[in-house]
Amino acid sequence: MRRIYEETLVSLDGVIEDPAQWVGDYFDDEFLKATFERLVTRDAMLMGRRTYEVLAKDWSAQTGQYADLINGIRKYVFSSTLEVAAWNNSTLVRGDVVAAVKSLKEQDGGDLMIWGHGLFGQTLLANHLLDELRISIFPVFVGHGKLLFRENESGTLKLIAATSLKTGAVVLRYRPVK
């Protein structure tokens, strides 16, 4: 069975919205190399509409080894409102998110990934479909924006690894407890 790995960038005050505006120098070569090494082992990205719109806008015109990998990977976009998913290798998925993700997990192939913890990630966590959450905490206060975990979101996570980076960022890896 395929596994689903979620990776989320979060400020010290819990903000996940628009990390390109605040992650700055913390997203250094060390962080980029580690992210790239994980990305090449994934078979596809799963995302909701909002994440799709941001990533498609930010990455579709970029080139280079990292951008080429992101642009080339298979993408499954879960949305009931998006009309078309035109970004390279994107498939629009409608209907029951939980059933569709369960089906993807059961298919042959490599592991799957999610960037960010929005409504889509919350749904997967609540339905025990996430296998690991990698939360990268950056030592910056943003002061406003969407928070990592929202009201009424619940669950138990088991810490499986913690890494401190030279920039001061901390990467925490959790396994959801079912």
N, C-alpha and C. Protein backbone atom coordinates (compact mmCIF):
# COMPACT_ATOMS: atom_id res chain seq x y z
N MET A 1 0.85 -1.18 0.00
CA MET A 1 0.00 0.00 0.00
C MET A 1 0.89 1.24 0.00
N ARG A 2 0.49 2.22 -0.80
CA ARG A 2 1.23 3.48 -0.86
C ARG A 2 1.03 4.25 0.44
N ARG A 3 2.02 5.04 0.78
CA ARG A 3 1.94 5.88 1.98
C ARG A 3 1.77 7.33 1.55
N ILE A 4 1.17 8.14 2.44
CA ILE A 4 0.99 9.56 2.17
C ILE A 4 1.79 10.35 3.21
N TYR A 5 2.68 11.19 2.70
CA TYR A 5 3.52 12.03 3.53
C TYR A 5 3.11 13.49 3.32
N GLU A 6 2.81 14.17 4.42
CA GLU A 6 2.47 15.59 4.34
C GLU A 6 3.64 16.41 4.85
N GLU A 7 3.98 17.47 4.13
CA GLU A 7 5.04 18.38 4.54
C GLU A 7 4.47 19.78 4.64
N THR A 8 4.68 20.42 5.79
CA THR A 8 4.11 21.73 6.04
C THR A 8 5.16 22.67 6.59
N LEU A 9 5.18 23.89 6.06
CA LEU A 9 6.05 24.95 6.56
C LEU A 9 5.20 25.81 7.50
N VAL A 10 5.73 26.09 8.69
CA VAL A 10 4.95 26.85 9.68
C VAL A 10 5.87 27.83 10.41
N SER A 11 5.34 29.01 10.67
CA SER A 11 6.08 29.99 11.46
C SER A 11 5.98 29.61 12.93
N LEU A 12 6.80 30.24 13.75
CA LEU A 12 6.80 29.93 15.17
C LEU A 12 5.47 30.25 15.84
N ASP A 13 4.72 31.19 15.26
CA ASP A 13 3.40 31.51 15.82
C ASP A 13 2.28 30.73 15.13
N GLY A 14 2.63 29.67 14.39
CA GLY A 14 1.64 28.74 13.88
C GLY A 14 1.05 29.05 12.51
N VAL A 15 1.56 30.06 11.82
CA VAL A 15 1.00 30.45 10.52
C VAL A 15 1.57 29.57 9.40
N ILE A 16 0.67 29.10 8.52
CA ILE A 16 1.08 28.31 7.35
C ILE A 16 0.81 29.05 6.05
N GLU A 17 0.04 30.11 6.11
CA GLU A 17 -0.36 30.84 4.90
C GLU A 17 0.83 31.57 4.26
N ASP A 18 0.95 31.40 2.96
CA ASP A 18 1.90 32.13 2.13
C ASP A 18 3.34 32.10 2.66
N PRO A 19 3.92 30.92 2.84
CA PRO A 19 5.27 30.83 3.40
C PRO A 19 6.34 31.52 2.53
N ALA A 20 6.08 31.67 1.24
CA ALA A 20 7.06 32.36 0.38
C ALA A 20 7.31 33.78 0.86
N GLN A 21 6.35 34.36 1.59
CA GLN A 21 6.49 35.73 2.09
C GLN A 21 7.32 35.82 3.36
N TRP A 22 7.51 34.71 4.09
CA TRP A 22 8.18 34.81 5.37
C TRP A 22 9.29 33.78 5.61
N VAL A 23 9.41 32.79 4.76
CA VAL A 23 10.41 31.74 5.02
C VAL A 23 11.83 32.25 4.72
N GLY A 24 11.98 33.13 3.76
CA GLY A 24 13.24 33.82 3.47
C GLY A 24 14.48 32.95 3.45
N ASP A 25 15.50 33.42 4.16
CA ASP A 25 16.80 32.75 4.17
C ASP A 25 16.79 31.40 4.88
N TYR A 26 15.72 31.10 5.59
CA TYR A 26 15.65 29.81 6.29
C TYR A 26 15.50 28.66 5.30
N PHE A 27 14.99 28.96 4.12
CA PHE A 27 14.84 27.95 3.07
C PHE A 27 16.16 27.92 2.30
N ASP A 28 17.20 27.43 2.96
CA ASP A 28 18.56 27.46 2.42
C ASP A 28 18.88 26.20 1.64
N ASP A 29 20.14 26.07 1.21
CA ASP A 29 20.57 24.91 0.42
C ASP A 29 20.36 23.59 1.16
N GLU A 30 20.61 23.57 2.47
CA GLU A 30 20.42 22.35 3.27
C GLU A 30 18.95 21.91 3.22
N PHE A 31 18.06 22.86 3.44
CA PHE A 31 16.63 22.55 3.44
C PHE A 31 16.17 22.14 2.04
N LEU A 32 16.60 22.88 1.03
CA LEU A 32 16.22 22.61 -0.34
C LEU A 32 16.71 21.23 -0.80
N LYS A 33 17.94 20.88 -0.44
CA LYS A 33 18.50 19.57 -0.82
C LYS A 33 17.71 18.43 -0.19
N ALA A 34 17.37 18.56 1.09
CA ALA A 34 16.62 17.51 1.77
C ALA A 34 15.22 17.37 1.18
N THR A 35 14.58 18.50 0.86
CA THR A 35 13.25 18.47 0.25
C THR A 35 13.32 17.81 -1.12
N PHE A 36 14.33 18.16 -1.90
CA PHE A 36 14.51 17.58 -3.23
C PHE A 36 14.70 16.06 -3.14
N GLU A 37 15.51 15.61 -2.18
CA GLU A 37 15.77 14.17 -2.02
C GLU A 37 14.49 13.41 -1.69
N ARG A 38 13.60 14.02 -0.94
CA ARG A 38 12.31 13.37 -0.65
C ARG A 38 11.40 13.42 -1.87
N LEU A 39 11.40 14.55 -2.54
CA LEU A 39 10.53 14.74 -3.69
C LEU A 39 10.80 13.71 -4.80
N VAL A 40 12.05 13.39 -5.04
CA VAL A 40 12.36 12.43 -6.12
C VAL A 40 11.89 11.02 -5.79
N THR A 41 11.59 10.75 -4.51
CA THR A 41 11.12 9.41 -4.14
C THR A 41 9.60 9.31 -4.14
N ARG A 42 8.91 10.41 -4.40
CA ARG A 42 7.45 10.41 -4.40
C ARG A 42 6.92 10.22 -5.82
N ASP A 43 5.79 9.53 -5.90
CA ASP A 43 5.17 9.22 -7.18
C ASP A 43 4.21 10.32 -7.65
N ALA A 44 3.58 11.01 -6.70
CA ALA A 44 2.59 12.03 -7.06
C ALA A 44 2.35 12.96 -5.88
N MET A 45 1.81 14.15 -6.19
CA MET A 45 1.39 15.12 -5.19
C MET A 45 -0.13 15.13 -5.14
N LEU A 46 -0.67 15.22 -3.93
CA LEU A 46 -2.10 15.38 -3.72
C LEU A 46 -2.32 16.78 -3.18
N MET A 47 -3.37 17.46 -3.64
CA MET A 47 -3.62 18.80 -3.14
C MET A 47 -5.06 19.22 -3.34
N GLY A 48 -5.47 20.16 -2.50
CA GLY A 48 -6.77 20.78 -2.67
C GLY A 48 -6.65 21.95 -3.64
N ARG A 49 -7.77 22.58 -3.89
CA ARG A 49 -7.82 23.67 -4.88
C ARG A 49 -6.91 24.84 -4.52
N ARG A 50 -6.95 25.29 -3.28
CA ARG A 50 -6.15 26.47 -2.92
C ARG A 50 -4.66 26.21 -3.09
N THR A 51 -4.19 25.08 -2.62
CA THR A 51 -2.77 24.75 -2.77
C THR A 51 -2.42 24.63 -4.25
N TYR A 52 -3.28 23.99 -5.02
CA TYR A 52 -3.06 23.86 -6.45
C TYR A 52 -2.90 25.24 -7.10
N GLU A 53 -3.80 26.15 -6.80
CA GLU A 53 -3.75 27.47 -7.42
C GLU A 53 -2.46 28.21 -7.08
N VAL A 54 -2.02 28.13 -5.82
CA VAL A 54 -0.79 28.79 -5.40
C VAL A 54 0.42 28.14 -6.07
N LEU A 55 0.51 26.82 -6.00
CA LEU A 55 1.68 26.14 -6.57
C LEU A 55 1.74 26.28 -8.08
N ALA A 56 0.62 26.17 -8.76
CA ALA A 56 0.61 26.31 -10.21
C ALA A 56 1.09 27.70 -10.61
N LYS A 57 0.64 28.71 -9.90
CA LYS A 57 1.05 30.09 -10.19
C LYS A 57 2.54 30.27 -9.91
N ASP A 58 3.01 29.76 -8.78
CA ASP A 58 4.39 29.97 -8.37
C ASP A 58 5.41 29.12 -9.13
N TRP A 59 5.04 27.92 -9.56
CA TRP A 59 6.02 26.99 -10.11
C TRP A 59 5.93 26.75 -11.62
N SER A 60 4.78 26.94 -12.23
CA SER A 60 4.60 26.52 -13.63
C SER A 60 5.55 27.21 -14.60
N ALA A 61 5.97 28.42 -14.33
CA ALA A 61 6.87 29.14 -15.24
C ALA A 61 8.34 28.99 -14.86
N GLN A 62 8.62 28.35 -13.73
CA GLN A 62 10.01 28.22 -13.30
C GLN A 62 10.69 27.05 -13.99
N THR A 63 12.00 27.13 -14.07
CA THR A 63 12.81 26.05 -14.64
C THR A 63 13.96 25.75 -13.68
N GLY A 64 14.68 24.72 -13.99
CA GLY A 64 15.77 24.27 -13.14
C GLY A 64 15.43 22.90 -12.60
N GLN A 65 16.39 22.24 -12.00
CA GLN A 65 16.22 20.86 -11.56
C GLN A 65 15.05 20.70 -10.58
N TYR A 66 14.96 21.57 -9.59
CA TYR A 66 13.90 21.48 -8.59
C TYR A 66 12.54 21.78 -9.22
N ALA A 67 12.47 22.89 -9.96
CA ALA A 67 11.20 23.28 -10.60
C ALA A 67 10.76 22.24 -11.63
N ASP A 68 11.71 21.70 -12.38
CA ASP A 68 11.35 20.68 -13.37
C ASP A 68 10.74 19.46 -12.71
N LEU A 69 11.26 19.10 -11.55
CA LEU A 69 10.72 17.95 -10.82
C LEU A 69 9.29 18.24 -10.34
N ILE A 70 9.07 19.42 -9.78
CA ILE A 70 7.74 19.80 -9.31
C ILE A 70 6.76 19.88 -10.47
N ASN A 71 7.19 20.50 -11.55
CA ASN A 71 6.30 20.64 -12.71
C ASN A 71 6.01 19.30 -13.38
N GLY A 72 6.93 18.37 -13.29
CA GLY A 72 6.78 17.09 -13.97
C GLY A 72 6.05 16.01 -13.19
N ILE A 73 6.00 16.15 -11.86
CA ILE A 73 5.39 15.10 -11.04
C ILE A 73 3.88 15.04 -11.30
N ARG A 74 3.31 13.85 -11.20
CA ARG A 74 1.85 13.69 -11.32
C ARG A 74 1.20 14.43 -10.17
N LYS A 75 0.11 15.13 -10.46
CA LYS A 75 -0.61 15.91 -9.45
C LYS A 75 -2.08 15.53 -9.48
N TYR A 76 -2.64 15.22 -8.31
CA TYR A 76 -4.07 14.96 -8.16
C TYR A 76 -4.65 16.14 -7.40
N VAL A 77 -5.60 16.83 -8.02
CA VAL A 77 -6.20 18.03 -7.44
C VAL A 77 -7.63 17.71 -7.05
N PHE A 78 -7.93 17.81 -5.76
CA PHE A 78 -9.24 17.49 -5.23
C PHE A 78 -10.04 18.78 -5.06
N SER A 79 -11.08 18.93 -5.88
CA SER A 79 -11.87 20.15 -5.83
C SER A 79 -13.25 19.92 -6.43
N SER A 80 -14.23 20.56 -5.82
CA SER A 80 -15.58 20.52 -6.39
C SER A 80 -15.88 21.81 -7.14
N THR A 81 -14.99 22.80 -7.03
CA THR A 81 -15.25 24.10 -7.66
C THR A 81 -14.31 24.44 -8.81
N LEU A 82 -13.14 23.85 -8.85
CA LEU A 82 -12.18 24.14 -9.92
C LEU A 82 -12.72 23.60 -11.24
N GLU A 83 -12.67 24.41 -12.26
CA GLU A 83 -13.20 24.00 -13.56
C GLU A 83 -12.22 23.13 -14.34
N VAL A 84 -10.96 23.50 -14.26
CA VAL A 84 -9.94 22.78 -15.03
C VAL A 84 -8.63 22.82 -14.27
N ALA A 85 -7.84 21.77 -14.36
CA ALA A 85 -6.51 21.71 -13.75
C ALA A 85 -5.50 21.63 -14.89
N ALA A 86 -5.06 22.78 -15.36
CA ALA A 86 -4.24 22.86 -16.57
C ALA A 86 -2.74 22.72 -16.33
N TRP A 87 -2.30 22.80 -15.09
CA TRP A 87 -0.88 22.68 -14.80
C TRP A 87 -0.40 21.29 -15.23
N ASN A 88 0.79 21.22 -15.74
CA ASN A 88 1.39 19.99 -16.27
C ASN A 88 1.15 18.78 -15.36
N ASN A 89 0.67 17.68 -15.96
CA ASN A 89 0.46 16.40 -15.27
C ASN A 89 -0.56 16.46 -14.14
N SER A 90 -1.54 17.34 -14.24
CA SER A 90 -2.57 17.47 -13.20
C SER A 90 -3.85 16.75 -13.60
N THR A 91 -4.42 16.06 -12.63
CA THR A 91 -5.70 15.38 -12.80
C THR A 91 -6.67 15.93 -11.78
N LEU A 92 -7.81 16.40 -12.23
CA LEU A 92 -8.84 16.93 -11.35
C LEU A 92 -9.68 15.77 -10.82
N VAL A 93 -9.83 15.71 -9.50
CA VAL A 93 -10.59 14.64 -8.85
C VAL A 93 -11.79 15.28 -8.14
N ARG A 94 -12.97 14.81 -8.49
CA ARG A 94 -14.21 15.31 -7.89
C ARG A 94 -14.85 14.19 -7.07
N GLY A 95 -15.80 14.55 -6.24
CA GLY A 95 -16.55 13.55 -5.51
C GLY A 95 -15.99 13.33 -4.12
N ASP A 96 -16.16 12.12 -3.63
CA ASP A 96 -15.79 11.74 -2.28
C ASP A 96 -14.27 11.69 -2.12
N VAL A 97 -13.72 12.69 -1.43
CA VAL A 97 -12.27 12.81 -1.25
C VAL A 97 -11.70 11.58 -0.55
N VAL A 98 -12.35 11.16 0.53
CA VAL A 98 -11.84 10.03 1.32
C VAL A 98 -11.80 8.77 0.47
N ALA A 99 -12.85 8.46 -0.26
CA ALA A 99 -12.87 7.27 -1.11
C ALA A 99 -11.82 7.35 -2.20
N ALA A 100 -11.67 8.52 -2.81
CA ALA A 100 -10.69 8.69 -3.89
C ALA A 100 -9.27 8.51 -3.38
N VAL A 101 -8.96 9.08 -2.21
CA VAL A 101 -7.61 8.94 -1.65
C VAL A 101 -7.35 7.50 -1.22
N LYS A 102 -8.35 6.84 -0.63
CA LYS A 102 -8.19 5.42 -0.28
C LYS A 102 -7.86 4.61 -1.53
N SER A 103 -8.53 4.90 -2.62
CA SER A 103 -8.28 4.20 -3.88
C SER A 103 -6.86 4.45 -4.38
N LEU A 104 -6.40 5.70 -4.31
CA LEU A 104 -5.02 6.01 -4.73
C LEU A 104 -4.01 5.28 -3.86
N LYS A 105 -4.25 5.20 -2.56
CA LYS A 105 -3.33 4.51 -1.66
C LYS A 105 -3.23 3.02 -2.00
N GLU A 106 -4.33 2.45 -2.47
CA GLU A 106 -4.37 1.02 -2.76
C GLU A 106 -3.77 0.66 -4.12
N GLN A 107 -3.57 1.65 -4.98
CA GLN A 107 -3.01 1.39 -6.30
C GLN A 107 -1.52 1.09 -6.21
N ASP A 108 -1.01 0.41 -7.22
CA ASP A 108 0.42 0.19 -7.31
C ASP A 108 1.11 1.52 -7.57
N GLY A 109 2.34 1.62 -7.13
CA GLY A 109 3.11 2.83 -7.38
C GLY A 109 3.84 3.28 -6.14
N GLY A 110 4.53 4.40 -6.29
CA GLY A 110 5.30 4.96 -5.20
C GLY A 110 4.44 5.75 -4.24
N ASP A 111 5.09 6.25 -3.21
CA ASP A 111 4.40 7.00 -2.18
C ASP A 111 3.90 8.35 -2.69
N LEU A 112 2.96 8.92 -1.95
CA LEU A 112 2.29 10.16 -2.32
C LEU A 112 2.65 11.25 -1.32
N MET A 113 2.54 12.50 -1.75
CA MET A 113 2.91 13.61 -0.87
C MET A 113 1.89 14.73 -0.94
N ILE A 114 1.86 15.50 0.13
CA ILE A 114 1.03 16.70 0.23
C ILE A 114 1.92 17.81 0.76
N TRP A 115 1.80 19.00 0.18
CA TRP A 115 2.48 20.17 0.73
C TRP A 115 1.42 21.04 1.39
N GLY A 116 1.58 21.28 2.68
CA GLY A 116 0.65 22.13 3.42
C GLY A 116 -0.40 21.34 4.16
N HIS A 117 -1.03 22.01 5.12
CA HIS A 117 -2.07 21.35 5.93
C HIS A 117 -3.33 22.19 5.92
N GLY A 118 -3.94 22.29 4.77
CA GLY A 118 -5.20 23.02 4.66
C GLY A 118 -6.37 22.09 4.91
N LEU A 119 -7.52 22.45 4.37
CA LEU A 119 -8.73 21.65 4.56
C LEU A 119 -8.56 20.23 4.03
N PHE A 120 -7.85 20.09 2.92
CA PHE A 120 -7.61 18.76 2.35
C PHE A 120 -6.80 17.90 3.32
N GLY A 121 -5.70 18.43 3.83
CA GLY A 121 -4.88 17.70 4.79
C GLY A 121 -5.64 17.38 6.07
N GLN A 122 -6.47 18.32 6.52
CA GLN A 122 -7.28 18.08 7.71
C GLN A 122 -8.22 16.90 7.49
N THR A 123 -8.83 16.86 6.31
CA THR A 123 -9.74 15.76 5.99
C THR A 123 -9.02 14.42 6.02
N LEU A 124 -7.83 14.38 5.43
CA LEU A 124 -7.08 13.12 5.40
C LEU A 124 -6.63 12.71 6.79
N LEU A 125 -6.21 13.68 7.61
CA LEU A 125 -5.79 13.37 8.98
C LEU A 125 -6.98 12.84 9.78
N ALA A 126 -8.12 13.48 9.66
CA ALA A 126 -9.31 13.07 10.41
C ALA A 126 -9.79 11.68 10.02
N ASN A 127 -9.49 11.27 8.79
CA ASN A 127 -9.92 9.96 8.29
C ASN A 127 -8.79 8.94 8.27
N HIS A 128 -7.73 9.23 9.01
CA HIS A 128 -6.61 8.30 9.20
C HIS A 128 -5.96 7.89 7.88
N LEU A 129 -5.81 8.83 6.97
CA LEU A 129 -5.20 8.53 5.68
C LEU A 129 -3.77 9.06 5.56
N LEU A 130 -3.34 9.92 6.48
CA LEU A 130 -1.97 10.41 6.46
C LEU A 130 -1.08 9.43 7.23
N ASP A 131 0.06 9.13 6.64
CA ASP A 131 1.00 8.21 7.30
C ASP A 131 2.08 8.94 8.07
N GLU A 132 2.40 10.17 7.63
CA GLU A 132 3.41 10.94 8.34
C GLU A 132 3.21 12.42 8.07
N LEU A 133 3.40 13.23 9.11
CA LEU A 133 3.38 14.69 8.99
C LEU A 133 4.79 15.18 9.29
N ARG A 134 5.34 15.93 8.38
CA ARG A 134 6.66 16.57 8.57
C ARG A 134 6.37 18.07 8.71
N ILE A 135 6.56 18.58 9.90
CA ILE A 135 6.27 19.98 10.18
C ILE A 135 7.59 20.71 10.37
N SER A 136 7.89 21.63 9.46
CA SER A 136 9.11 22.43 9.53
C SER A 136 8.76 23.78 10.13
N ILE A 137 9.31 24.03 11.32
CA ILE A 137 9.00 25.25 12.06
C ILE A 137 10.15 26.23 11.88
N PHE A 138 9.80 27.43 11.41
CA PHE A 138 10.80 28.46 11.14
C PHE A 138 10.75 29.53 12.23
N PRO A 139 11.92 30.00 12.70
CA PRO A 139 11.97 30.94 13.83
C PRO A 139 11.61 32.37 13.42
N VAL A 140 10.36 32.54 13.04
CA VAL A 140 9.87 33.85 12.64
C VAL A 140 8.41 33.97 13.10
N PHE A 141 8.03 35.16 13.54
CA PHE A 141 6.64 35.45 13.88
C PHE A 141 6.01 36.19 12.72
N VAL A 142 4.91 35.68 12.20
CA VAL A 142 4.23 36.30 11.07
C VAL A 142 3.14 37.24 11.57
N GLY A 143 2.42 36.85 12.61
CA GLY A 143 1.44 37.72 13.22
C GLY A 143 0.03 37.64 12.68
N HIS A 144 -0.15 37.04 11.50
CA HIS A 144 -1.49 36.91 10.93
C HIS A 144 -1.46 35.85 9.84
N GLY A 145 -2.61 35.30 9.55
CA GLY A 145 -2.72 34.30 8.49
C GLY A 145 -3.33 33.01 9.00
N LYS A 146 -3.53 32.08 8.07
CA LYS A 146 -4.12 30.79 8.43
C LYS A 146 -3.16 30.00 9.31
N LEU A 147 -3.74 29.39 10.33
CA LEU A 147 -2.94 28.64 11.30
C LEU A 147 -2.83 27.17 10.91
N LEU A 148 -1.78 26.53 11.40
CA LEU A 148 -1.51 25.13 11.11
C LEU A 148 -2.69 24.24 11.49
N PHE A 149 -3.09 24.28 12.73
CA PHE A 149 -4.23 23.47 13.17
C PHE A 149 -5.36 24.42 13.53
N ARG A 150 -6.55 24.02 13.19
CA ARG A 150 -7.70 24.88 13.37
C ARG A 150 -8.63 24.35 14.45
N GLU A 151 -9.56 25.21 14.85
CA GLU A 151 -10.54 24.83 15.85
C GLU A 151 -11.27 23.56 15.42
N ASN A 152 -11.52 22.70 16.34
CA ASN A 152 -12.22 21.43 16.13
C ASN A 152 -11.37 20.36 15.45
N GLU A 153 -10.12 20.64 15.14
CA GLU A 153 -9.26 19.60 14.60
C GLU A 153 -8.65 18.87 15.79
N SER A 154 -8.72 17.55 15.77
CA SER A 154 -8.19 16.80 16.89
C SER A 154 -7.49 15.55 16.39
N GLY A 155 -6.71 14.98 17.25
CA GLY A 155 -5.99 13.76 16.93
C GLY A 155 -4.74 13.67 17.79
N THR A 156 -4.12 12.54 17.74
CA THR A 156 -2.90 12.31 18.50
C THR A 156 -1.79 11.97 17.53
N LEU A 157 -0.63 12.58 17.76
CA LEU A 157 0.53 12.34 16.91
C LEU A 157 1.67 11.79 17.75
N LYS A 158 2.45 10.89 17.17
CA LYS A 158 3.62 10.35 17.86
C LYS A 158 4.87 10.89 17.16
N LEU A 159 5.74 11.54 17.94
CA LEU A 159 6.97 12.08 17.40
C LEU A 159 7.89 10.93 17.00
N ILE A 160 8.36 10.92 15.74
CA ILE A 160 9.27 9.86 15.30
C ILE A 160 10.66 10.38 15.00
N ALA A 161 10.81 11.72 14.84
CA ALA A 161 12.14 12.30 14.64
C ALA A 161 12.05 13.81 14.80
N ALA A 162 13.16 14.39 15.25
CA ALA A 162 13.28 15.84 15.37
C ALA A 162 14.68 16.22 14.92
N THR A 163 14.75 17.24 14.07
CA THR A 163 16.03 17.68 13.54
C THR A 163 16.11 19.19 13.64
N SER A 164 17.24 19.67 14.15
CA SER A 164 17.49 21.11 14.22
C SER A 164 18.43 21.46 13.06
N LEU A 165 18.06 22.47 12.29
CA LEU A 165 18.87 22.90 11.15
C LEU A 165 19.75 24.08 11.54
N LYS A 166 20.81 24.31 10.79
CA LYS A 166 21.74 25.38 11.13
C LYS A 166 21.11 26.77 11.06
N THR A 167 20.01 26.91 10.33
CA THR A 167 19.32 28.20 10.23
C THR A 167 18.48 28.50 11.47
N GLY A 168 18.29 27.51 12.32
CA GLY A 168 17.43 27.68 13.48
C GLY A 168 16.05 27.06 13.28
N ALA A 169 15.77 26.62 12.06
CA ALA A 169 14.51 25.92 11.81
C ALA A 169 14.58 24.54 12.46
N VAL A 170 13.41 24.01 12.80
CA VAL A 170 13.32 22.69 13.41
C VAL A 170 12.34 21.87 12.58
N VAL A 171 12.72 20.63 12.26
CA VAL A 171 11.85 19.74 11.49
C VAL A 171 11.39 18.63 12.43
N LEU A 172 10.07 18.54 12.59
CA LEU A 172 9.47 17.52 13.44
C LEU A 172 8.70 16.55 12.57
N ARG A 173 8.96 15.27 12.76
CA ARG A 173 8.24 14.24 12.00
C ARG A 173 7.33 13.47 12.96
N TYR A 174 6.05 13.40 12.57
CA TYR A 174 5.05 12.74 13.41
C TYR A 174 4.33 11.66 12.62
N ARG A 175 3.95 10.63 13.33
CA ARG A 175 3.07 9.59 12.79
C ARG A 175 1.72 9.73 13.51
N PRO A 176 0.64 9.87 12.75
CA PRO A 176 -0.67 9.93 13.41
C PRO A 176 -0.97 8.62 14.13
N VAL A 177 -1.53 8.74 15.33
CA VAL A 177 -1.93 7.57 16.10
C VAL A 177 -3.41 7.33 15.81
N LYS A 178 -3.73 6.12 15.37
CA LYS A 178 -5.11 5.81 14.98
C LYS A 178 -5.89 5.32 16.17
